[in-house]
Protein backbone atom coordinates (compact mmCIF):
# COMPACT_ATOMS: atom_id res chain seq x y z
CA UNK A 1 0.00 0.00 0.00
CA UNK A 2 2.94 2.37 0.64
CA UNK A 3 4.24 1.47 -2.82
CA UNK A 4 0.82 2.29 -4.27
CA UNK A 5 0.99 5.79 -2.77
CA UNK A 6 4.45 6.39 -4.21
CA UNK A 7 3.50 4.87 -7.57
CA UNK A 8 0.39 7.04 -7.78
CA UNK A 9 2.56 10.12 -7.30
CA UNK A 10 4.63 9.10 -10.33
CA UNK A 11 1.46 8.31 -12.28
CA UNK A 12 -0.19 11.65 -11.46
CA UNK A 13 2.85 13.77 -12.34
CA UNK A 14 3.94 11.96 -15.53
CA UNK A 15 2.67 12.01 -19.12
CA UNK A 16 0.47 8.99 -19.83
CA UNK A 17 2.40 6.19 -21.54
CA UNK A 18 0.86 3.22 -23.31
CA UNK A 19 0.03 0.22 -21.12
CA UNK A 20 0.54 2.18 -17.89
CA UNK A 21 4.32 2.21 -18.21
CA UNK A 22 4.49 5.67 -16.63
CA UNK A 23 3.27 4.33 -13.27
CA UNK A 24 5.80 1.62 -12.50
CA UNK A 25 8.75 1.37 -10.10
CA UNK A 26 12.20 -0.09 -10.83
CA UNK A 27 14.66 -2.16 -8.76
CA UNK A 28 17.84 -0.37 -7.66
CA UNK A 29 20.98 -1.29 -5.75
CA UNK A 30 19.20 -0.41 -2.50
CA UNK A 31 15.48 -0.83 -3.15
CA UNK A 32 12.93 0.56 -5.61
CA UNK A 33 12.72 3.90 -7.40
CA UNK A 34 10.16 5.91 -9.30
CA UNK A 35 13.00 7.13 -11.54
CA UNK A 36 12.91 10.81 -12.58
CA UNK A 37 9.49 12.48 -12.41
CA UNK A 38 8.89 15.83 -14.17
CA UNK A 39 7.47 18.69 -12.11
CA UNK A 40 7.04 21.97 -13.99
CA UNK A 41 10.63 23.14 -14.66
CA UNK A 42 11.98 20.87 -11.92
CA UNK A 43 12.15 17.12 -11.45
CA UNK A 44 12.17 14.75 -8.49
CA UNK A 45 12.31 11.08 -7.63
CA UNK A 46 11.23 8.90 -4.72
CA UNK A 47 13.27 5.93 -3.53
CA UNK A 48 12.60 3.06 -1.16
CA UNK A 49 15.80 1.94 0.59
CA UNK A 50 15.43 -1.59 1.91
CA UNK A 51 18.99 -1.72 3.22
CA UNK A 52 18.76 1.25 5.56
CA UNK A 53 14.96 1.24 5.66
CA UNK A 54 14.02 4.75 4.73
CA UNK A 55 12.21 6.55 1.94
CA UNK A 56 13.76 9.58 0.27
CA UNK A 57 12.35 12.31 -1.92
CA UNK A 58 14.98 14.27 -3.85
CA UNK A 59 14.35 17.23 -6.15
CA UNK A 60 16.52 18.72 -8.86
CA UNK A 61 16.99 21.95 -6.89
CA UNK A 62 19.03 20.06 -4.29
CA UNK A 63 16.35 19.70 -1.62
CA UNK A 64 15.68 16.35 0.03
CA UNK A 65 13.33 14.69 2.50
CA UNK A 66 13.55 11.33 4.26
CA UNK A 67 11.08 9.14 6.15
CA UNK A 68 11.86 6.09 8.25
CA UNK A 69 10.37 2.82 7.01
CA UNK A 70 9.04 1.37 10.23
CA UNK A 71 5.75 -0.03 11.57
CA UNK A 72 3.10 2.66 11.03
CA UNK A 73 -0.38 2.82 9.60
CA UNK A 74 -0.97 3.54 5.94
CA UNK A 75 -2.69 6.77 7.00
CA UNK A 76 0.39 7.87 8.94
CA UNK A 77 2.74 7.05 6.06
CA UNK A 78 0.48 8.90 3.61
CA UNK A 79 0.27 11.97 5.84
CA UNK A 80 4.02 12.08 6.51
CA UNK A 81 4.94 11.68 2.85
CA UNK A 82 2.49 14.33 1.66
CA UNK A 83 3.76 16.75 4.32
CA UNK A 84 7.32 16.26 3.12
CA UNK A 85 6.25 16.69 -0.50
CA UNK A 86 4.54 19.95 0.45
CA UNK A 87 7.67 21.11 2.28
CA UNK A 88 9.66 20.50 -0.92
CA UNK A 89 7.02 22.48 -2.86
CA UNK A 90 5.96 19.39 -4.78
CA UNK A 91 2.18 19.48 -4.90
CA UNK A 92 1.00 16.25 -6.53
CA UNK A 93 -2.57 15.26 -5.56
CA UNK A 94 -3.35 11.59 -6.14
CA UNK A 95 -6.44 9.40 -6.30
CA UNK A 96 -6.84 8.49 -2.65
CA UNK A 97 -7.82 4.80 -2.80
CA UNK A 98 -5.77 1.68 -3.62
CA UNK A 99 -6.17 -0.11 -6.95
CA UNK A 100 -6.51 -3.85 -7.58
CA UNK A 101 -7.38 -4.43 -3.90
CA UNK A 102 -10.70 -5.83 -2.75
CA UNK A 103 -12.40 -3.88 0.06
CA UNK A 104 -10.04 -0.94 -0.48
CA UNK A 105 -9.65 1.62 2.32
CA UNK A 106 -8.72 5.20 1.47
CA UNK A 107 -5.06 5.86 2.26
CA UNK A 108 -5.84 8.74 4.61
CA UNK A 109 -8.33 6.58 6.55
CA UNK A 110 -6.40 3.30 6.71
CA UNK A 111 -5.37 2.65 10.30
CA UNK A 112 -5.74 -1.11 9.81
CA UNK A 113 -2.61 -1.94 7.83
CA UNK A 114 0.52 -0.97 9.77
CA UNK A 115 3.05 -3.84 9.60
CA UNK A 116 6.62 -3.38 8.42
CA UNK A 117 9.22 -6.13 8.91
CA UNK A 118 12.69 -4.93 7.81
CA UNK A 119 14.03 -8.46 7.31
CA UNK A 120 11.23 -9.48 4.97
CA UNK A 121 11.16 -6.15 3.14
CA UNK A 122 14.86 -6.73 2.46
CA UNK A 123 14.27 -10.34 1.38
CA UNK A 124 11.49 -9.30 -0.99
CA UNK A 125 13.75 -6.68 -2.59
CA UNK A 126 16.53 -9.26 -3.01
CA UNK A 127 14.11 -11.57 -4.82
CA UNK A 128 13.21 -8.66 -7.13
CA UNK A 129 16.91 -8.05 -7.83
CA UNK A 130 17.56 -11.65 -8.89
CA UNK A 131 14.31 -11.91 -10.84
CA UNK A 132 15.05 -8.63 -12.61
CA UNK A 133 18.49 -9.86 -13.65
CA UNK A 134 17.08 -13.00 -15.32
CA UNK A 135 14.05 -11.23 -16.79
CA UNK A 136 16.37 -8.70 -18.43
CA UNK A 137 18.38 -11.53 -19.97
CA UNK A 138 15.14 -12.99 -21.33
CA UNK A 139 14.04 -9.57 -22.58
CA UNK A 140 17.27 -9.17 -24.58
CA UNK A 141 16.29 -12.08 -26.84
CA UNK A 142 13.38 -10.10 -28.30
CA UNK A 143 13.70 -7.22 -30.77
CA UNK A 144 10.00 -6.47 -31.21
CA UNK A 145 8.11 -4.07 -28.99
CA UNK A 146 8.80 -5.03 -25.39
CA UNK A 147 8.24 -3.37 -22.03
CA UNK A 148 11.02 -2.61 -19.58
CA UNK A 149 11.38 -4.98 -16.65
CA UNK A 150 9.32 -2.99 -14.15
CA UNK A 151 7.37 -3.29 -10.92
CA UNK A 152 3.61 -2.82 -11.04
CA UNK A 153 2.43 -1.83 -7.58
CA UNK A 154 -1.18 -2.91 -8.04
CA UNK A 155 -0.83 -6.71 -8.03
CA UNK A 156 2.08 -6.23 -7.10
CA UNK A 157 4.43 -7.92 -9.58
CA UNK A 158 7.71 -7.53 -11.44
CA UNK A 159 6.87 -7.95 -15.12
CA UNK A 160 8.17 -7.90 -18.66
CA UNK A 161 5.78 -7.99 -21.64
CA UNK A 162 6.38 -8.84 -25.30
CA UNK A 163 4.06 -7.68 -28.09
CA UNK A 164 3.26 -9.33 -31.41
CA UNK A 165 2.40 -5.99 -33.02
CA UNK A 166 -1.23 -6.92 -33.64
CA UNK A 167 -4.29 -5.38 -32.01
CA UNK A 168 -6.04 -7.44 -29.34
CA UNK A 169 -9.79 -7.90 -28.80
CA UNK A 170 -11.45 -5.61 -26.29
CA UNK A 171 -10.47 -6.71 -22.78
CA UNK A 172 -13.44 -7.51 -20.51
CA UNK A 173 -11.94 -5.62 -17.54
CA UNK A 174 -13.28 -6.52 -14.12
CA UNK A 175 -10.13 -6.02 -12.02
CA UNK A 176 -11.10 -4.88 -8.50
CA UNK A 177 -10.92 -1.10 -7.99
CA UNK A 178 -9.37 -0.47 -11.39
CA UNK A 179 -11.26 1.35 -14.16
CA UNK A 180 -11.90 -0.94 -17.14
CA UNK A 181 -10.47 1.65 -19.53
CA UNK A 182 -7.09 1.33 -17.80
CA UNK A 183 -7.11 -2.44 -18.29
CA UNK A 184 -8.16 -2.02 -21.92
CA UNK A 185 -5.29 0.39 -22.53
CA UNK A 186 -2.89 -2.12 -20.97
CA UNK A 187 -4.17 -4.93 -23.20
CA UNK A 188 -4.84 -2.99 -26.40
CA UNK A 189 -2.41 -5.24 -28.28
CA UNK A 190 -1.54 -8.93 -28.27
CA UNK A 191 0.92 -9.82 -25.51
CA UNK A 192 2.97 -12.57 -23.96
CA UNK A 193 3.78 -11.50 -20.42
CA UNK A 194 5.71 -13.00 -17.53
CA UNK A 195 7.15 -12.04 -14.18
CA UNK A 196 7.42 -12.60 -10.44
CA UNK A 197 4.52 -12.29 -8.01
CA UNK A 198 4.54 -12.74 -4.20
CA UNK A 199 1.29 -14.68 -4.37
CA UNK A 200 -2.29 -14.36 -3.21
CA UNK A 201 -5.73 -15.85 -3.65
CA UNK A 202 -5.52 -19.32 -5.20
CA UNK A 203 -1.69 -19.19 -5.19
CA UNK A 204 -0.64 -18.71 -1.58
CA UNK A 205 3.10 -18.72 -2.26
CA UNK A 206 5.61 -16.66 -4.21
CA UNK A 207 5.73 -17.67 -7.86
CA UNK A 208 6.79 -16.84 -11.38
CA UNK A 209 3.96 -16.59 -13.91
CA UNK A 210 3.42 -16.43 -17.66
CA UNK A 211 0.28 -15.73 -19.68
CA UNK A 212 -0.91 -14.60 -23.08
CA UNK A 213 -3.66 -12.16 -24.05
CA UNK A 214 -5.65 -13.09 -25.93
CA UNK A 215 -4.99 -16.68 -24.90
CA UNK A 216 -4.68 -18.86 -28.03
CA UNK A 217 -6.53 -22.16 -28.26
CA UNK A 218 -4.56 -25.01 -26.74
CA UNK A 219 -2.29 -22.78 -24.63
CA UNK A 220 -3.35 -24.35 -21.33
CA UNK A 221 -2.50 -27.86 -22.57
CA UNK A 222 1.08 -27.21 -23.71
CA UNK A 223 3.87 -29.00 -21.84
CA UNK A 224 6.34 -26.40 -20.63
CA UNK A 225 9.57 -26.55 -18.65
CA UNK A 226 10.38 -27.33 -15.91
CA UNK A 227 8.09 -30.25 -15.08
CA UNK A 228 6.93 -28.53 -11.87
CA UNK A 229 5.28 -25.69 -13.81
CA UNK A 230 1.52 -25.93 -14.27
CA UNK A 231 -1.39 -24.04 -15.77
CA UNK A 232 -3.71 -22.42 -13.20
CA UNK A 233 -7.30 -22.52 -14.38
CA UNK A 234 -8.15 -19.93 -11.72
CA UNK A 235 -5.63 -17.36 -12.96
CA UNK A 236 -5.40 -18.42 -16.64
CA UNK A 237 -1.63 -18.39 -16.29
CA UNK A 238 1.27 -20.80 -16.09
CA UNK A 239 2.72 -20.85 -12.58
CA UNK A 240 6.16 -21.91 -11.33
CA UNK A 241 6.73 -21.77 -7.58
CA UNK A 242 9.60 -19.51 -6.54
CA UNK A 243 10.93 -22.26 -4.27
CA UNK A 244 11.30 -24.60 -7.27
CA UNK A 245 13.58 -22.04 -8.91
CA UNK A 246 15.42 -21.19 -5.70
CA UNK A 247 16.17 -24.82 -4.87
CA UNK A 248 17.15 -25.97 -8.37
CA UNK A 249 20.74 -26.78 -9.31
CA UNK A 250 20.74 -23.83 -11.74
CA UNK A 251 18.08 -21.25 -10.81
CA UNK A 252 18.84 -19.06 -13.83
CA UNK A 253 18.45 -21.92 -16.32
CA UNK A 254 15.31 -23.20 -14.62
CA UNK A 255 13.64 -19.79 -14.79
CA UNK A 256 14.80 -19.10 -18.35
CA UNK A 257 13.39 -22.48 -19.45
CA UNK A 258 10.03 -21.51 -17.96
CA UNK A 259 10.04 -18.06 -19.56
CA UNK A 260 11.14 -19.35 -22.97
CA UNK A 261 8.82 -22.36 -23.25
CA UNK A 262 5.74 -20.46 -22.12
CA UNK A 263 6.54 -17.66 -24.60
CA UNK A 264 7.07 -20.16 -27.43
CA UNK A 265 3.74 -21.79 -26.64
CA UNK A 266 1.95 -18.45 -26.83
CA UNK A 267 3.79 -17.21 -29.93
CA UNK A 268 3.52 -20.43 -31.92
CA UNK A 269 -0.14 -21.06 -31.16
CA UNK A 270 -1.02 -17.45 -32.00
CA UNK A 271 1.19 -17.49 -35.14
CA UNK A 272 3.43 -14.58 -34.17
CA UNK A 273 6.03 -13.62 -36.78
CA UNK A 274 8.83 -14.94 -34.59
CA UNK A 275 11.50 -14.64 -37.26
CA UNK A 276 11.16 -10.84 -37.34
CA UNK A 277 10.55 -10.42 -33.60
CA UNK A 278 13.41 -12.41 -32.11
CA UNK A 279 17.16 -11.93 -32.11
CA UNK A 280 18.99 -14.75 -33.85
CA UNK A 281 21.98 -14.43 -31.58
CA UNK A 282 23.47 -11.98 -29.11
CA UNK A 283 26.03 -9.53 -30.54
CA UNK A 284 29.54 -10.44 -29.46
CA UNK A 285 32.80 -8.57 -29.18
CA UNK A 286 33.83 -5.22 -27.83
CA UNK A 287 32.13 -2.03 -29.00
């Protein structure tokens, strides 16, 4: 929920990019960042530090604010952050309720959610670092339109998405507390998407996932690697438990096999022009 507040600040202050790419966060050497956000003739960025457990807001005029990441209610975090933004003369009003959360409570009213465990915040960030490294290697194999490897704070998940270049059918929407037009913008074109998700609902554990929209006929029945991966009929996605990857002899190869075979299933069944969308081999040699 704290990440949603920070992500909504980036969203509100940035030009709208296709598929919601202007709202995401990115892994850094210490945590997660909004990256640079424009503000009139200035710019600023907000960073979560999961090593030293603080949040910083830095502006291009040299001013800076910091908040401790510690147990506190969502309402307290929201109030403290907005006060510091005001002190830095950064006035960015946001939509005050969480997205993609059932039974959402307005940020300024949420005294219910107040946990913060530094050890597990740090562990979660370290998972994102390793996942980002492998997802970027997978991303480099594709020369068609492809998203950055970025963190969506709604689900939340670290994702990378490949595009065939063709328009997709109108998405039905229906994501809790998210306007359908936002979902339809995100899925305006055919995609094969994958990433890491800490779990929830029918999947109670951390996992890697892969899906296609629109899902081609036969996708759910394809045999993918590794053998522990399976298709979730609840989520309409292939799922691979994080612990399977973590405990394998070669975590990188295990994850890359999952990413590659699920993508190939989607692309082949949907007749993507793979020859023009994929890199034949990585460039080699010094530049």
